[in-house]
Amino acid sequence: MADVTTPIPAGTAAGALIDGKLFGRNLLNDTAGADAMGLVADAPAANTLLGRLKAIAAGLAGLATEATLAALSAKLPASLGAKAQSGSLSIVPATGVDLATNAGVATALAPAKAASATATQVPASTSAGTLLAANANRIGAASVYYDGAGILYLLEGAGTPSATNFTIKLGAGLLTYYETQASFTGAIRGVWSTAAGAANVTERAA
């Protein structure tokens, strides 16, 4: 089988005469016979190997230098955890925003405050019912107090409360007071083991 050869452009030196001896040159050519290596120069041909390496080097030149990275690292705390103000990393707010006086920021950071509270007494019943309806405007926790002779099975959210399906149970000899999570705005349902006494339910709102 004949060797596969690539034509060499006319005038391309294929060897060098050194001390009277001919040394062949290793050439890297593409399938068209053009130089694929490129000249060792400041501006080698764009599509040659050296030209592409030159382009990569130029792109990397715009990235952070070792000195820049070292300067940035020096500004970071040496370890994790709470730091004194002098050893912490400062944060610069957006231009034109004063965190101390900006009303929007202050409102977002301030906790919601309840301006009113409604107390309701719900008589004990062995039929499941709603002690407190869902309220998207509820602020803080809703509370339920029951110290009667029966057992009150409370259930947060959807479903039917029962002796086997409840969030918590209240009554004499058990816990008598319960508060929901502050973020819970759903309904509170309940059912008693016996119709004895009543539950006091309090809800707070804006």
N, C-alpha and C. Protein backbone atom coordinates (compact mmCIF):
# COMPACT_ATOMS: atom_id res chain seq x y z
N MET A 1 0.85 -1.19 0.00
CA MET A 1 0.00 0.00 0.00
C MET A 1 0.88 1.23 0.00
N ALA A 2 0.57 2.17 -0.87
CA ALA A 2 1.39 3.38 -0.97
C ALA A 2 1.17 4.28 0.24
N ASP A 3 2.27 5.03 0.60
CA ASP A 3 2.18 5.96 1.71
C ASP A 3 1.21 7.09 1.37
N VAL A 4 0.55 7.61 2.41
CA VAL A 4 -0.30 8.78 2.24
C VAL A 4 0.59 10.01 2.40
N THR A 5 0.61 10.85 1.41
CA THR A 5 1.49 12.02 1.45
C THR A 5 0.67 13.29 1.32
N THR A 6 1.23 14.35 1.82
CA THR A 6 0.61 15.67 1.73
C THR A 6 1.54 16.56 0.91
N PRO A 7 1.04 17.21 -0.11
CA PRO A 7 1.91 18.05 -0.94
C PRO A 7 2.49 19.21 -0.15
N ILE A 8 3.71 19.57 -0.48
CA ILE A 8 4.38 20.71 0.15
C ILE A 8 4.38 21.86 -0.84
N PRO A 9 3.95 23.04 -0.42
CA PRO A 9 3.94 24.18 -1.35
C PRO A 9 5.31 24.42 -1.94
N ALA A 10 5.32 24.88 -3.17
CA ALA A 10 6.59 25.18 -3.86
C ALA A 10 7.38 26.22 -3.08
N GLY A 11 8.68 26.03 -3.01
CA GLY A 11 9.56 26.97 -2.33
C GLY A 11 9.69 26.72 -0.85
N THR A 12 8.98 25.68 -0.31
CA THR A 12 9.08 25.39 1.12
C THR A 12 10.32 24.57 1.40
N ALA A 13 11.19 25.05 2.32
CA ALA A 13 12.42 24.35 2.65
C ALA A 13 12.09 23.06 3.39
N ALA A 14 12.57 21.94 2.88
CA ALA A 14 12.30 20.64 3.49
C ALA A 14 13.46 20.13 4.30
N GLY A 15 14.59 20.86 4.29
CA GLY A 15 15.75 20.42 5.04
C GLY A 15 16.74 21.55 5.21
N ALA A 16 17.78 21.29 5.97
CA ALA A 16 18.82 22.29 6.22
C ALA A 16 20.18 21.62 6.13
N LEU A 17 21.14 22.32 5.51
CA LEU A 17 22.49 21.80 5.35
C LEU A 17 23.35 22.33 6.50
N ILE A 18 23.77 21.44 7.40
CA ILE A 18 24.56 21.83 8.56
C ILE A 18 25.86 21.02 8.55
N ASP A 19 27.00 21.77 8.50
CA ASP A 19 28.32 21.12 8.45
C ASP A 19 28.40 20.10 7.33
N GLY A 20 27.80 20.44 6.22
CA GLY A 20 27.88 19.58 5.06
C GLY A 20 26.94 18.40 5.10
N LYS A 21 26.09 18.36 6.12
CA LYS A 21 25.15 17.25 6.22
C LYS A 21 23.73 17.78 6.09
N LEU A 22 22.88 17.04 5.41
CA LEU A 22 21.51 17.46 5.18
C LEU A 22 20.61 16.88 6.27
N PHE A 23 19.95 17.77 6.97
CA PHE A 23 19.00 17.38 8.01
C PHE A 23 17.58 17.72 7.56
N GLY A 24 16.72 16.73 7.55
CA GLY A 24 15.34 16.98 7.15
C GLY A 24 14.56 17.73 8.22
N ARG A 25 13.63 18.54 7.80
CA ARG A 25 12.78 19.28 8.73
C ARG A 25 11.44 18.56 8.92
N ASN A 26 10.98 18.55 10.12
CA ASN A 26 9.66 17.99 10.41
C ASN A 26 8.62 19.08 10.15
N LEU A 27 7.78 18.86 9.19
CA LEU A 27 6.79 19.86 8.81
C LEU A 27 5.40 19.40 9.26
N LEU A 28 4.60 20.37 9.71
CA LEU A 28 3.21 20.10 10.09
C LEU A 28 2.33 20.87 9.14
N ASN A 29 1.71 20.14 8.25
CA ASN A 29 0.87 20.77 7.22
C ASN A 29 -0.55 20.24 7.31
N ASP A 30 -1.49 21.04 6.83
CA ASP A 30 -2.87 20.59 6.78
C ASP A 30 -3.09 19.78 5.50
N THR A 31 -4.33 19.35 5.28
CA THR A 31 -4.60 18.49 4.13
C THR A 31 -4.43 19.20 2.79
N ALA A 32 -4.39 20.54 2.84
CA ALA A 32 -4.17 21.30 1.60
C ALA A 32 -2.70 21.58 1.38
N GLY A 33 -1.87 21.13 2.32
CA GLY A 33 -0.45 21.35 2.21
C GLY A 33 0.02 22.65 2.83
N ALA A 34 -0.89 23.43 3.42
CA ALA A 34 -0.50 24.70 4.04
C ALA A 34 0.11 24.46 5.42
N ASP A 35 0.93 25.41 5.85
CA ASP A 35 1.59 25.32 7.15
C ASP A 35 0.55 25.33 8.26
N ALA A 36 0.53 24.29 9.10
CA ALA A 36 -0.43 24.22 10.20
C ALA A 36 0.18 24.66 11.52
N MET A 37 1.52 24.71 11.63
CA MET A 37 2.18 25.09 12.86
C MET A 37 2.20 26.60 13.04
N GLY A 38 2.55 27.32 11.97
CA GLY A 38 2.67 28.77 12.08
C GLY A 38 4.09 29.19 12.40
N LEU A 39 4.39 30.44 12.09
CA LEU A 39 5.72 30.98 12.34
C LEU A 39 5.86 31.40 13.79
N VAL A 40 7.07 31.20 14.33
CA VAL A 40 7.36 31.67 15.68
C VAL A 40 7.60 33.17 15.58
N ALA A 41 6.55 33.95 15.75
CA ALA A 41 6.62 35.39 15.58
C ALA A 41 5.57 36.03 16.47
N ASP A 42 5.61 37.38 16.58
CA ASP A 42 4.62 38.08 17.39
C ASP A 42 3.21 37.92 16.86
N ALA A 43 3.07 37.74 15.57
CA ALA A 43 1.74 37.63 14.97
C ALA A 43 1.69 36.44 14.01
N PRO A 44 1.66 35.21 14.53
CA PRO A 44 1.55 34.04 13.65
C PRO A 44 0.19 34.02 12.97
N ALA A 45 0.10 33.31 11.86
CA ALA A 45 -1.16 33.22 11.12
C ALA A 45 -2.29 32.76 12.04
N ALA A 46 -3.47 33.36 11.86
CA ALA A 46 -4.57 33.18 12.80
C ALA A 46 -4.99 31.73 12.98
N ASN A 47 -5.06 30.94 11.91
CA ASN A 47 -5.60 29.59 12.01
C ASN A 47 -4.55 28.51 12.23
N THR A 48 -3.32 28.90 12.45
CA THR A 48 -2.28 27.92 12.75
C THR A 48 -2.28 27.60 14.23
N LEU A 49 -1.53 26.55 14.62
CA LEU A 49 -1.47 26.17 16.02
C LEU A 49 -0.93 27.30 16.88
N LEU A 50 0.17 27.91 16.43
CA LEU A 50 0.75 29.02 17.19
C LEU A 50 -0.19 30.22 17.22
N GLY A 51 -0.92 30.44 16.13
CA GLY A 51 -1.86 31.56 16.09
C GLY A 51 -2.98 31.38 17.10
N ARG A 52 -3.48 30.14 17.21
CA ARG A 52 -4.55 29.88 18.17
C ARG A 52 -4.04 29.99 19.61
N LEU A 53 -2.83 29.52 19.87
CA LEU A 53 -2.25 29.66 21.20
C LEU A 53 -2.05 31.13 21.55
N LYS A 54 -1.68 31.93 20.56
CA LYS A 54 -1.51 33.36 20.77
C LYS A 54 -2.84 34.00 21.17
N ALA A 55 -3.94 33.58 20.50
CA ALA A 55 -5.25 34.13 20.81
C ALA A 55 -5.70 33.75 22.22
N ILE A 56 -5.40 32.50 22.63
CA ILE A 56 -5.75 32.06 23.98
C ILE A 56 -4.99 32.86 25.02
N ALA A 57 -3.71 33.08 24.76
CA ALA A 57 -2.88 33.86 25.69
C ALA A 57 -3.40 35.28 25.82
N ALA A 58 -3.84 35.86 24.70
CA ALA A 58 -4.36 37.22 24.73
C ALA A 58 -5.65 37.29 25.56
N GLY A 59 -6.48 36.24 25.46
CA GLY A 59 -7.71 36.22 26.24
C GLY A 59 -7.46 36.08 27.72
N LEU A 60 -6.47 35.27 28.08
CA LEU A 60 -6.14 35.09 29.48
C LEU A 60 -5.51 36.33 30.10
N ALA A 61 -4.92 37.17 29.27
CA ALA A 61 -4.25 38.36 29.78
C ALA A 61 -5.23 39.30 30.45
N GLY A 62 -6.53 39.23 30.07
CA GLY A 62 -7.52 40.12 30.66
C GLY A 62 -8.06 39.63 31.99
N LEU A 63 -7.70 38.40 32.38
CA LEU A 63 -8.19 37.87 33.64
C LEU A 63 -7.33 38.37 34.80
N ALA A 64 -7.82 38.07 36.03
CA ALA A 64 -7.11 38.53 37.22
C ALA A 64 -5.71 37.93 37.29
N THR A 65 -4.75 38.75 37.62
CA THR A 65 -3.38 38.28 37.78
C THR A 65 -3.20 37.71 39.18
N GLU A 66 -2.08 37.06 39.39
CA GLU A 66 -1.80 36.49 40.70
C GLU A 66 -1.79 37.57 41.78
N ALA A 67 -1.26 38.75 41.43
CA ALA A 67 -1.20 39.85 42.39
C ALA A 67 -2.61 40.34 42.75
N THR A 68 -3.48 40.39 41.73
CA THR A 68 -4.86 40.83 41.97
C THR A 68 -5.59 39.86 42.88
N LEU A 69 -5.42 38.56 42.62
CA LEU A 69 -6.06 37.54 43.45
C LEU A 69 -5.54 37.58 44.88
N ALA A 70 -4.25 37.83 45.03
CA ALA A 70 -3.67 37.90 46.37
C ALA A 70 -4.23 39.10 47.13
N ALA A 71 -4.41 40.23 46.42
CA ALA A 71 -4.95 41.43 47.06
C ALA A 71 -6.41 41.20 47.50
N LEU A 72 -7.16 40.49 46.66
CA LEU A 72 -8.55 40.19 47.00
C LEU A 72 -8.62 39.23 48.18
N SER A 73 -7.77 38.23 48.18
CA SER A 73 -7.75 37.26 49.27
C SER A 73 -7.41 37.92 50.60
N ALA A 74 -6.57 38.93 50.55
CA ALA A 74 -6.17 39.62 51.79
C ALA A 74 -7.33 40.36 52.43
N LYS A 75 -8.36 40.69 51.65
CA LYS A 75 -9.52 41.40 52.18
C LYS A 75 -10.54 40.47 52.83
N LEU A 76 -10.42 39.16 52.58
CA LEU A 76 -11.35 38.19 53.14
C LEU A 76 -10.94 37.77 54.55
N PRO A 77 -11.93 37.46 55.41
CA PRO A 77 -11.59 36.98 56.76
C PRO A 77 -10.76 35.70 56.67
N ALA A 78 -9.88 35.52 57.64
CA ALA A 78 -9.01 34.34 57.63
C ALA A 78 -9.76 33.06 57.94
N SER A 79 -10.92 33.17 58.61
CA SER A 79 -11.69 31.99 58.97
C SER A 79 -13.17 32.32 58.98
N LEU A 80 -14.01 31.28 59.05
CA LEU A 80 -15.45 31.47 59.10
C LEU A 80 -15.91 31.77 60.52
N GLY A 81 -17.17 32.20 60.65
CA GLY A 81 -17.71 32.47 61.98
C GLY A 81 -17.92 33.96 62.20
N ALA A 82 -18.54 34.27 63.33
CA ALA A 82 -18.81 35.67 63.67
C ALA A 82 -17.50 36.44 63.86
N LYS A 83 -17.49 37.68 63.38
CA LYS A 83 -16.29 38.50 63.46
C LYS A 83 -16.61 39.84 64.09
N ALA A 84 -15.60 40.43 64.70
CA ALA A 84 -15.74 41.82 65.16
C ALA A 84 -15.85 42.71 63.94
N GLN A 85 -16.39 43.89 64.12
CA GLN A 85 -16.59 44.78 62.98
C GLN A 85 -15.29 45.05 62.22
N SER A 86 -14.20 45.20 62.96
CA SER A 86 -12.92 45.50 62.33
C SER A 86 -12.40 44.34 61.48
N GLY A 87 -12.84 43.11 61.78
CA GLY A 87 -12.34 41.95 61.05
C GLY A 87 -13.32 41.38 60.06
N SER A 88 -14.47 42.06 59.87
CA SER A 88 -15.49 41.56 58.97
C SER A 88 -15.33 42.15 57.58
N LEU A 89 -16.01 41.56 56.63
CA LEU A 89 -15.96 42.02 55.24
C LEU A 89 -17.06 43.05 55.03
N SER A 90 -16.69 44.25 54.68
CA SER A 90 -17.68 45.31 54.51
C SER A 90 -18.48 45.12 53.23
N ILE A 91 -19.72 45.59 53.25
CA ILE A 91 -20.61 45.52 52.10
C ILE A 91 -21.06 46.92 51.74
N VAL A 92 -20.95 47.26 50.47
CA VAL A 92 -21.35 48.59 50.02
C VAL A 92 -22.72 48.51 49.40
N PRO A 93 -23.72 49.25 49.92
CA PRO A 93 -25.07 49.22 49.33
C PRO A 93 -25.11 49.90 47.98
N ALA A 94 -26.19 49.68 47.27
CA ALA A 94 -26.35 50.29 45.95
C ALA A 94 -26.29 51.80 46.06
N THR A 95 -25.81 52.45 45.01
CA THR A 95 -25.70 53.91 44.99
C THR A 95 -27.06 54.56 45.22
N GLY A 96 -27.09 55.54 46.11
CA GLY A 96 -28.33 56.28 46.33
C GLY A 96 -29.26 55.66 47.34
N VAL A 97 -28.88 54.53 47.97
CA VAL A 97 -29.75 53.88 48.95
C VAL A 97 -29.14 54.06 50.34
N ASP A 98 -29.89 54.71 51.21
CA ASP A 98 -29.45 54.91 52.59
C ASP A 98 -30.23 53.91 53.46
N LEU A 99 -29.53 52.88 53.94
CA LEU A 99 -30.21 51.84 54.71
C LEU A 99 -30.82 52.39 56.00
N ALA A 100 -30.29 53.48 56.49
CA ALA A 100 -30.78 54.02 57.75
C ALA A 100 -32.08 54.80 57.58
N THR A 101 -32.29 55.41 56.41
CA THR A 101 -33.45 56.27 56.22
C THR A 101 -34.39 55.80 55.12
N ASN A 102 -33.98 54.84 54.30
CA ASN A 102 -34.83 54.41 53.19
C ASN A 102 -36.07 53.72 53.73
N ALA A 103 -37.25 54.27 53.39
CA ALA A 103 -38.50 53.76 53.92
C ALA A 103 -38.79 52.34 53.43
N GLY A 104 -38.47 52.07 52.16
CA GLY A 104 -38.73 50.74 51.62
C GLY A 104 -37.92 49.68 52.32
N VAL A 105 -36.64 49.97 52.58
CA VAL A 105 -35.79 49.00 53.27
C VAL A 105 -36.26 48.82 54.70
N ALA A 106 -36.59 49.92 55.37
CA ALA A 106 -37.04 49.83 56.76
C ALA A 106 -38.31 49.02 56.89
N THR A 107 -39.23 49.20 55.93
CA THR A 107 -40.49 48.46 55.98
C THR A 107 -40.26 46.97 55.76
N ALA A 108 -39.35 46.65 54.83
CA ALA A 108 -39.07 45.24 54.53
C ALA A 108 -38.41 44.53 55.71
N LEU A 109 -37.58 45.25 56.45
CA LEU A 109 -36.84 44.63 57.55
C LEU A 109 -37.64 44.60 58.85
N ALA A 110 -38.60 45.50 58.99
CA ALA A 110 -39.35 45.59 60.24
C ALA A 110 -40.34 44.43 60.36
N PRO A 111 -40.44 43.82 61.54
CA PRO A 111 -41.42 42.73 61.72
C PRO A 111 -42.84 43.28 61.69
N ALA A 112 -43.78 42.44 61.23
CA ALA A 112 -45.18 42.86 61.18
C ALA A 112 -45.72 42.98 62.61
N LYS A 113 -46.56 43.99 62.84
CA LYS A 113 -47.11 44.22 64.17
C LYS A 113 -48.63 44.12 64.11
N ALA A 114 -49.20 43.41 65.08
CA ALA A 114 -50.65 43.29 65.15
C ALA A 114 -51.23 44.51 65.86
N ALA A 115 -52.30 45.05 65.30
CA ALA A 115 -52.95 46.22 65.90
C ALA A 115 -54.23 45.85 66.62
N SER A 116 -54.71 44.63 66.39
CA SER A 116 -55.96 44.22 67.04
C SER A 116 -55.93 42.73 67.34
N ALA A 117 -56.78 42.31 68.27
CA ALA A 117 -56.91 40.90 68.62
C ALA A 117 -58.38 40.59 68.85
N THR A 118 -58.79 39.42 68.39
CA THR A 118 -60.17 38.99 68.55
C THR A 118 -60.22 37.67 69.31
N ALA A 119 -60.93 37.69 70.45
CA ALA A 119 -61.06 36.49 71.27
C ALA A 119 -62.46 35.91 71.08
N THR A 120 -62.52 34.59 70.86
CA THR A 120 -63.79 33.91 70.65
C THR A 120 -63.87 32.68 71.53
N GLN A 121 -65.05 32.43 72.10
CA GLN A 121 -65.24 31.22 72.91
C GLN A 121 -66.06 30.22 72.09
N VAL A 122 -65.49 29.03 71.91
CA VAL A 122 -66.14 27.99 71.10
C VAL A 122 -66.57 26.86 72.03
N PRO A 123 -67.89 26.61 72.14
CA PRO A 123 -68.38 25.53 73.02
C PRO A 123 -67.88 24.16 72.56
N ALA A 124 -67.61 23.29 73.50
CA ALA A 124 -67.16 21.93 73.18
C ALA A 124 -68.24 21.18 72.43
N SER A 125 -67.82 20.35 71.47
CA SER A 125 -68.76 19.56 70.68
C SER A 125 -68.07 18.28 70.23
N THR A 126 -68.81 17.20 70.20
CA THR A 126 -68.25 15.94 69.72
C THR A 126 -68.34 15.83 68.21
N SER A 127 -68.87 16.86 67.56
CA SER A 127 -68.88 16.94 66.09
C SER A 127 -67.75 17.86 65.64
N ALA A 128 -66.99 17.41 64.68
CA ALA A 128 -65.85 18.21 64.21
C ALA A 128 -66.33 19.52 63.63
N GLY A 129 -65.61 20.59 63.94
CA GLY A 129 -65.98 21.91 63.43
C GLY A 129 -64.78 22.82 63.37
N THR A 130 -65.01 24.05 62.89
CA THR A 130 -63.94 25.03 62.74
C THR A 130 -63.90 25.96 63.94
N LEU A 131 -62.76 26.01 64.60
CA LEU A 131 -62.59 26.92 65.72
C LEU A 131 -62.14 28.30 65.24
N LEU A 132 -61.37 28.33 64.15
CA LEU A 132 -60.86 29.60 63.61
C LEU A 132 -60.72 29.44 62.10
N ALA A 133 -61.36 30.34 61.35
CA ALA A 133 -61.28 30.28 59.88
C ALA A 133 -59.93 30.77 59.40
N ALA A 134 -59.57 30.36 58.19
CA ALA A 134 -58.32 30.83 57.59
C ALA A 134 -58.38 32.34 57.41
N ASN A 135 -57.25 33.01 57.58
CA ASN A 135 -57.20 34.47 57.48
C ASN A 135 -55.83 34.90 56.99
N ALA A 136 -55.76 35.37 55.74
CA ALA A 136 -54.47 35.77 55.17
C ALA A 136 -53.90 36.99 55.87
N ASN A 137 -54.73 37.74 56.59
CA ASN A 137 -54.26 38.95 57.28
C ASN A 137 -53.86 38.69 58.72
N ARG A 138 -53.87 37.44 59.12
CA ARG A 138 -53.46 37.09 60.49
C ARG A 138 -51.99 37.46 60.69
N ILE A 139 -51.69 38.02 61.84
CA ILE A 139 -50.31 38.39 62.17
C ILE A 139 -49.91 37.67 63.45
N GLY A 140 -48.77 37.03 63.42
CA GLY A 140 -48.31 36.31 64.59
C GLY A 140 -49.09 35.02 64.78
N ALA A 141 -48.98 34.47 65.96
CA ALA A 141 -49.60 33.18 66.24
C ALA A 141 -51.04 33.33 66.72
N ALA A 142 -51.86 32.36 66.35
CA ALA A 142 -53.20 32.25 66.92
C ALA A 142 -53.09 31.32 68.13
N SER A 143 -53.89 31.56 69.16
CA SER A 143 -53.78 30.75 70.37
C SER A 143 -55.12 30.12 70.73
N VAL A 144 -55.03 28.93 71.34
CA VAL A 144 -56.21 28.20 71.79
C VAL A 144 -55.96 27.74 73.24
N TYR A 145 -56.97 28.01 74.10
CA TYR A 145 -56.87 27.60 75.51
C TYR A 145 -58.08 26.74 75.85
N TYR A 146 -57.82 25.56 76.43
CA TYR A 146 -58.91 24.68 76.88
C TYR A 146 -58.43 23.87 78.07
N ASP A 147 -59.18 23.96 79.17
CA ASP A 147 -58.81 23.19 80.36
C ASP A 147 -60.00 22.39 80.90
N GLY A 148 -60.94 22.06 79.98
CA GLY A 148 -62.13 21.33 80.40
C GLY A 148 -61.85 19.86 80.68
N ALA A 149 -62.93 19.16 81.04
CA ALA A 149 -62.80 17.75 81.43
C ALA A 149 -62.57 16.83 80.24
N GLY A 150 -62.96 17.28 79.03
CA GLY A 150 -62.77 16.45 77.85
C GLY A 150 -61.39 16.64 77.22
N ILE A 151 -61.21 16.06 76.08
CA ILE A 151 -59.97 16.23 75.31
C ILE A 151 -60.33 16.93 74.00
N LEU A 152 -59.66 18.02 73.73
CA LEU A 152 -59.86 18.77 72.48
C LEU A 152 -58.76 18.37 71.50
N TYR A 153 -59.16 17.78 70.38
CA TYR A 153 -58.20 17.41 69.33
C TYR A 153 -58.18 18.52 68.29
N LEU A 154 -57.07 19.25 68.23
CA LEU A 154 -56.93 20.37 67.29
C LEU A 154 -56.20 19.91 66.03
N LEU A 155 -56.66 20.42 64.90
CA LEU A 155 -56.01 20.10 63.62
C LEU A 155 -55.82 21.39 62.83
N GLU A 156 -54.58 21.66 62.45
CA GLU A 156 -54.29 22.82 61.61
C GLU A 156 -54.49 22.45 60.14
N GLY A 157 -55.09 23.36 59.37
CA GLY A 157 -55.23 23.15 57.95
C GLY A 157 -56.42 22.29 57.60
N ALA A 158 -56.38 21.71 56.38
CA ALA A 158 -57.51 20.93 55.86
C ALA A 158 -57.58 19.56 56.52
N GLY A 159 -58.78 18.96 56.45
CA GLY A 159 -58.97 17.63 57.01
C GLY A 159 -60.01 17.62 58.11
N THR A 160 -60.29 16.45 58.62
CA THR A 160 -61.27 16.30 59.70
C THR A 160 -60.55 15.86 60.97
N PRO A 161 -60.63 16.67 62.02
CA PRO A 161 -59.94 16.31 63.27
C PRO A 161 -60.60 15.10 63.94
N SER A 162 -59.80 14.29 64.57
CA SER A 162 -60.31 13.13 65.29
C SER A 162 -59.26 12.69 66.30
N ALA A 163 -59.55 11.63 67.02
CA ALA A 163 -58.61 11.11 68.02
C ALA A 163 -57.36 10.54 67.37
N THR A 164 -57.40 10.31 66.05
CA THR A 164 -56.24 9.76 65.34
C THR A 164 -55.70 10.74 64.29
N ASN A 165 -56.35 11.87 64.12
CA ASN A 165 -55.92 12.86 63.12
C ASN A 165 -55.96 14.25 63.75
N PHE A 166 -54.86 14.65 64.34
CA PHE A 166 -54.82 15.94 65.03
C PHE A 166 -53.40 16.49 65.04
N THR A 167 -53.30 17.81 65.28
CA THR A 167 -52.01 18.47 65.42
C THR A 167 -51.54 18.40 66.87
N ILE A 168 -52.49 18.66 67.80
CA ILE A 168 -52.19 18.60 69.23
C ILE A 168 -53.51 18.39 69.98
N LYS A 169 -53.42 17.83 71.16
CA LYS A 169 -54.63 17.67 71.97
C LYS A 169 -54.48 18.43 73.29
N LEU A 170 -55.58 19.07 73.70
CA LEU A 170 -55.60 19.89 74.90
C LEU A 170 -56.64 19.38 75.87
N GLY A 171 -56.45 19.70 77.17
CA GLY A 171 -57.44 19.33 78.18
C GLY A 171 -56.81 19.19 79.54
N ALA A 172 -57.65 19.03 80.55
CA ALA A 172 -57.17 18.86 81.92
C ALA A 172 -56.25 17.64 81.99
N GLY A 173 -55.13 17.79 82.65
CA GLY A 173 -54.16 16.70 82.72
C GLY A 173 -53.24 16.66 81.51
N LEU A 174 -53.55 17.47 80.50
CA LEU A 174 -52.70 17.57 79.31
C LEU A 174 -52.24 19.03 79.18
N LEU A 175 -51.70 19.37 78.06
CA LEU A 175 -51.46 20.79 77.79
C LEU A 175 -52.80 21.50 77.70
N THR A 176 -52.85 22.72 78.17
CA THR A 176 -54.11 23.48 78.10
C THR A 176 -54.01 24.69 77.18
N TYR A 177 -52.81 24.98 76.67
CA TYR A 177 -52.61 26.18 75.84
C TYR A 177 -51.77 25.82 74.62
N TYR A 178 -52.16 26.36 73.47
CA TYR A 178 -51.42 26.08 72.22
C TYR A 178 -51.37 27.32 71.35
N GLU A 179 -50.21 27.56 70.76
CA GLU A 179 -50.03 28.65 69.79
C GLU A 179 -49.57 28.07 68.47
N THR A 180 -50.14 28.55 67.38
CA THR A 180 -49.69 28.11 66.06
C THR A 180 -48.36 28.77 65.73
N GLN A 181 -47.74 28.30 64.66
CA GLN A 181 -46.56 29.00 64.15
C GLN A 181 -46.98 30.41 63.71
N ALA A 182 -46.08 31.38 63.87
CA ALA A 182 -46.43 32.77 63.57
C ALA A 182 -46.80 32.98 62.12
N SER A 183 -46.28 32.13 61.22
CA SER A 183 -46.54 32.31 59.79
C SER A 183 -47.78 31.55 59.31
N PHE A 184 -48.44 30.81 60.22
CA PHE A 184 -49.58 30.00 59.80
C PHE A 184 -50.84 30.85 59.72
N THR A 185 -51.49 30.87 58.56
CA THR A 185 -52.71 31.66 58.37
C THR A 185 -53.91 30.79 58.00
N GLY A 186 -53.75 29.47 58.07
CA GLY A 186 -54.83 28.56 57.71
C GLY A 186 -55.86 28.38 58.81
N ALA A 187 -56.83 27.53 58.53
CA ALA A 187 -57.91 27.27 59.49
C ALA A 187 -57.45 26.35 60.61
N ILE A 188 -58.13 26.46 61.76
CA ILE A 188 -57.90 25.55 62.88
C ILE A 188 -59.23 24.85 63.17
N ARG A 189 -59.22 23.55 63.09
CA ARG A 189 -60.43 22.76 63.33
C ARG A 189 -60.26 21.93 64.60
N GLY A 190 -61.37 21.50 65.16
CA GLY A 190 -61.29 20.72 66.39
C GLY A 190 -62.51 19.85 66.64
N VAL A 191 -62.33 18.89 67.52
CA VAL A 191 -63.42 18.03 67.98
C VAL A 191 -63.08 17.58 69.40
N TRP A 192 -64.12 17.45 70.24
CA TRP A 192 -63.91 17.07 71.63
C TRP A 192 -64.29 15.61 71.86
N SER A 193 -63.64 15.01 72.85
CA SER A 193 -64.00 13.64 73.23
C SER A 193 -65.33 13.62 73.96
N THR A 194 -65.65 14.73 74.61
CA THR A 194 -66.93 14.89 75.29
C THR A 194 -67.27 16.37 75.31
N ALA A 195 -68.53 16.69 75.23
CA ALA A 195 -68.95 18.10 75.17
C ALA A 195 -68.91 18.73 76.55
N ALA A 196 -67.72 19.08 76.98
CA ALA A 196 -67.53 19.66 78.31
C ALA A 196 -66.71 20.94 78.19
N GLY A 197 -67.30 22.08 78.62
CA GLY A 197 -66.57 23.33 78.63
C GLY A 197 -66.51 24.00 77.26
N ALA A 198 -65.52 24.86 77.08
CA ALA A 198 -65.37 25.61 75.83
C ALA A 198 -63.91 25.98 75.65
N ALA A 199 -63.55 26.26 74.41
CA ALA A 199 -62.17 26.67 74.08
C ALA A 199 -62.15 28.17 73.84
N ASN A 200 -61.14 28.82 74.32
CA ASN A 200 -60.95 30.26 74.07
C ASN A 200 -59.90 30.42 72.97
N VAL A 201 -60.30 31.03 71.87
CA VAL A 201 -59.45 31.19 70.70
C VAL A 201 -59.16 32.67 70.49
N THR A 202 -57.90 33.01 70.28
CA THR A 202 -57.51 34.41 70.05
C THR A 202 -56.74 34.53 68.76
N GLU A 203 -57.12 35.51 67.94
CA GLU A 203 -56.45 35.77 66.68
C GLU A 203 -56.04 37.24 66.61
N ARG A 204 -54.84 37.51 66.09
CA ARG A 204 -54.34 38.87 65.98
C ARG A 204 -54.23 39.25 64.50
N ALA A 205 -54.49 40.52 64.21
CA ALA A 205 -54.45 40.99 62.84
C ALA A 205 -53.96 42.43 62.80
N ALA A 206 -53.73 42.93 61.58
CA ALA A 206 -53.22 44.29 61.43
C ALA A 206 -54.28 45.29 61.85
